[in-house]
């Protein structure tokens, strides 16, 4: 059977269309999908590497900070920690230009081998003085942390604030002793 020129063109167009369809279906589309997956995997790997680098940098900074704290201020008894914190609070307030603050030890909590003492400090001053006071706590060489903060304006339109701040410190205390196991009472048998 011989095909006319027109029929030959139709067969060639149909075969070319079929070839393009199969090429797209089995070559181009899988390649593009694999490429998208590879780009996504590369982006994920770059993000994981960036996260790991940040963790390492944070770890080095935390280790350095921990060494500073333990070398200059982590005490092993409550009296020394208490005295150190009270002196530091007075010095921070004086350096920031605040009047002598009212300091009240609040509570003590056990956190693994550490004990945490929380102090409530109340004072008044300008926004700048309050900011300097808080900055000194944040950058202190002793273990100190702001646990809560309340600021209120004493007079409207005047830079005169009343501040109440909770500050905690740590000291190394004895590990809590677990409670002794309770022995069941001996039961009387028949």
Protein backbone atom coordinates (compact mmCIF):
# COMPACT_ATOMS: atom_id res chain seq x y z
CA UNK A 1 0.00 0.00 0.00
CA UNK A 2 1.35 3.28 -1.05
CA UNK A 3 0.57 6.45 0.77
CA UNK A 4 -0.13 9.70 -0.87
CA UNK A 5 1.96 12.75 -0.02
CA UNK A 6 -0.81 14.09 2.15
CA UNK A 7 -1.13 10.81 4.07
CA UNK A 8 2.66 10.68 4.53
CA UNK A 9 2.57 14.17 6.06
CA UNK A 10 -0.25 13.14 8.39
CA UNK A 11 1.65 10.02 9.48
CA UNK A 12 4.81 12.09 10.06
CA UNK A 13 2.87 14.70 12.08
CA UNK A 14 1.14 11.96 14.13
CA UNK A 15 4.47 10.16 14.76
CA UNK A 16 6.20 13.45 15.64
CA UNK A 17 3.35 14.35 18.00
CA UNK A 18 3.49 10.88 19.58
CA UNK A 19 7.27 11.15 19.88
CA UNK A 20 6.98 14.60 21.52
CA UNK A 21 4.30 13.32 23.90
CA UNK A 22 6.36 10.29 24.92
CA UNK A 23 9.52 12.39 25.21
CA UNK A 24 7.73 14.84 27.47
CA UNK A 25 6.09 12.11 29.50
CA UNK A 26 9.18 9.92 30.04
CA UNK A 27 12.15 12.30 29.69
CA UNK A 28 11.42 16.01 30.15
CA UNK A 29 8.81 15.84 32.95
CA UNK A 30 10.83 13.39 35.13
CA UNK A 31 13.95 15.50 34.56
CA UNK A 32 12.18 18.70 35.60
CA UNK A 33 10.68 17.00 38.67
CA UNK A 34 14.10 15.63 39.66
CA UNK A 35 15.56 19.10 39.20
CA UNK A 36 12.90 20.70 41.44
CA UNK A 37 13.51 18.02 44.09
CA UNK A 38 17.25 18.59 43.89
CA UNK A 39 16.84 22.37 44.26
CA UNK A 40 14.59 21.81 47.29
CA UNK A 41 17.10 19.37 48.82
CA UNK A 42 19.94 21.83 48.27
CA UNK A 43 17.94 24.64 49.90
CA UNK A 44 17.16 22.35 52.87
CA UNK A 45 20.82 21.35 53.20
CA UNK A 46 21.94 24.99 53.08
CA UNK A 47 19.38 25.87 55.78
CA UNK A 48 20.49 22.95 57.98
CA UNK A 49 24.12 23.96 57.54
CA UNK A 50 23.27 27.55 58.46
CA UNK A 51 21.33 26.38 61.52
CA UNK A 52 24.25 24.16 62.57
CA UNK A 53 26.68 27.07 62.19
CA UNK A 54 24.41 29.24 64.35
CA UNK A 55 24.21 26.53 66.99
CA UNK A 56 27.99 26.21 67.04
CA UNK A 57 28.46 29.99 67.31
CA UNK A 58 25.86 30.21 70.08
CA UNK A 59 27.52 27.30 71.86
CA UNK A 60 30.91 29.02 71.79
CA UNK A 61 29.40 32.30 73.08
CA UNK A 62 27.47 30.46 75.81
CA UNK A 63 30.56 28.52 76.86
CA UNK A 64 32.60 31.73 77.05
CA UNK A 65 29.82 33.45 79.03
CA UNK A 66 29.53 30.44 81.37
CA UNK A 67 33.28 30.54 82.04
CA UNK A 68 33.05 34.27 82.82
CA UNK A 69 30.15 33.70 85.19
CA UNK A 70 31.73 30.77 87.00
CA UNK A 71 35.09 32.56 87.27
CA UNK A 72 33.70 35.82 88.56
CA UNK A 73 30.53 35.19 90.41
CA UNK A 74 28.99 31.76 90.82
CA UNK A 75 29.04 31.18 94.55
CA UNK A 76 28.67 27.98 96.45
CA UNK A 77 26.64 29.28 99.40
CA UNK A 78 23.53 31.37 99.81
CA UNK A 79 25.07 34.07 102.01
CA UNK A 80 27.79 34.92 99.50
CA UNK A 81 25.33 34.90 96.58
CA UNK A 82 22.90 37.08 98.52
CA UNK A 83 25.59 39.60 99.49
CA UNK A 84 27.00 39.68 95.98
CA UNK A 85 23.59 40.35 94.43
CA UNK A 86 22.61 43.05 96.93
CA UNK A 87 25.92 44.85 96.38
CA UNK A 88 25.55 44.52 92.60
CA UNK A 89 21.99 45.90 92.62
CA UNK A 90 23.14 48.93 94.63
CA UNK A 91 26.11 49.48 92.30
CA UNK A 92 23.94 49.13 89.15
CA UNK A 93 21.43 51.65 90.51
CA UNK A 94 24.17 54.09 91.53
CA UNK A 95 25.94 53.78 88.14
CA UNK A 96 22.63 54.32 86.32
CA UNK A 97 21.82 57.42 88.36
CA UNK A 98 18.85 55.90 90.19
CA UNK A 99 18.07 56.49 93.86
CA UNK A 100 18.82 53.63 96.25
CA UNK A 101 16.33 50.90 95.36
CA UNK A 102 14.12 48.98 97.75
CA UNK A 103 15.24 45.34 97.51
CA UNK A 104 13.26 42.44 98.89
CA UNK A 105 14.40 38.81 98.56
CA UNK A 106 11.33 36.91 97.40
CA UNK A 107 11.81 33.19 96.98
CA UNK A 108 14.35 30.47 96.43
CA UNK A 109 13.91 27.65 93.94
CA UNK A 110 15.91 24.50 93.27
CA UNK A 111 17.00 23.87 89.68
CA UNK A 112 19.10 20.68 89.52
CA UNK A 113 22.40 21.46 91.30
CA UNK A 114 21.65 25.19 91.33
CA UNK A 115 19.54 27.26 93.63
CA UNK A 116 17.90 30.40 92.31
CA UNK A 117 17.11 33.40 94.49
CA UNK A 118 14.64 35.97 93.16
CA UNK A 119 14.71 39.59 94.36
CA UNK A 120 12.07 42.27 93.82
CA UNK A 121 13.62 45.68 93.25
CA UNK A 122 11.60 48.92 93.25
CA UNK A 123 12.96 52.34 92.30
CA UNK A 124 12.15 55.46 90.30
CA UNK A 125 14.00 57.39 87.62
CA UNK A 126 14.16 58.60 84.06
CA UNK A 127 13.81 56.33 81.04
CA UNK A 128 17.54 56.64 80.40
CA UNK A 129 18.43 55.65 83.98
CA UNK A 130 16.05 52.69 83.90
CA UNK A 131 17.51 51.58 80.56
CA UNK A 132 21.07 51.81 81.91
CA UNK A 133 20.08 49.84 85.02
CA UNK A 134 18.55 47.05 82.93
CA UNK A 135 21.54 47.03 80.60
CA UNK A 136 23.89 46.59 83.55
CA UNK A 137 21.88 43.59 84.72
CA UNK A 138 21.92 42.07 81.25
CA UNK A 139 25.70 42.47 80.84
CA UNK A 140 26.70 41.66 84.42
CA UNK A 141 29.63 39.34 85.13
CA UNK A 142 27.67 37.66 87.88
CA UNK A 143 24.75 35.30 87.27
CA UNK A 144 21.85 37.75 87.08
CA UNK A 145 18.69 37.66 85.03
CA UNK A 146 15.59 39.84 84.77
CA UNK A 147 12.58 37.63 85.53
CA UNK A 148 9.83 40.24 85.33
CA UNK A 149 9.54 43.97 84.78
CA UNK A 150 6.84 46.56 85.45
CA UNK A 151 7.17 50.18 84.39
CA UNK A 152 4.66 52.89 85.18
CA UNK A 153 4.68 56.64 84.69
CA UNK A 154 4.48 58.53 87.98
CA UNK A 155 3.29 61.75 86.32
CA UNK A 156 1.80 62.22 82.86
CA UNK A 157 4.05 64.04 80.38
CA UNK A 158 7.16 63.83 82.60
CA UNK A 159 10.13 61.46 82.21
CA UNK A 160 9.66 60.01 85.69
CA UNK A 161 9.07 56.27 85.84
CA UNK A 162 8.38 53.86 88.63
CA UNK A 163 10.08 50.50 88.04
CA UNK A 164 9.58 47.18 89.74
CA UNK A 165 11.85 44.45 88.47
CA UNK A 166 12.40 40.84 89.45
CA UNK A 167 16.06 39.81 89.32
CA UNK A 168 17.31 36.30 89.92
CA UNK A 169 20.74 34.92 90.69
CA UNK A 170 22.13 31.42 90.97
CA UNK A 171 24.43 29.67 93.37
CA UNK A 172 25.59 26.12 93.53
CA UNK A 173 23.68 24.37 96.25
CA UNK A 174 23.53 20.80 97.38
CA UNK A 175 21.57 18.45 95.15
CA UNK A 176 18.11 17.82 96.50
CA UNK A 177 17.92 14.52 98.28
CA UNK A 178 15.23 12.27 96.94
CA UNK A 179 12.62 11.27 99.48
CA UNK A 180 13.32 8.00 101.21
CA UNK A 181 11.30 5.13 99.80
CA UNK A 182 8.33 4.26 101.92
CA UNK A 183 8.43 0.68 103.08
CA UNK A 184 5.08 -1.02 103.12
CA UNK A 185 3.90 -2.00 106.56
CA UNK A 186 4.35 -5.65 107.30
CA UNK A 187 1.04 -7.34 106.87
CA UNK A 188 -0.05 -9.88 109.39
CA UNK A 189 -0.72 -13.23 107.89
CA UNK A 190 -3.43 -15.72 109.02
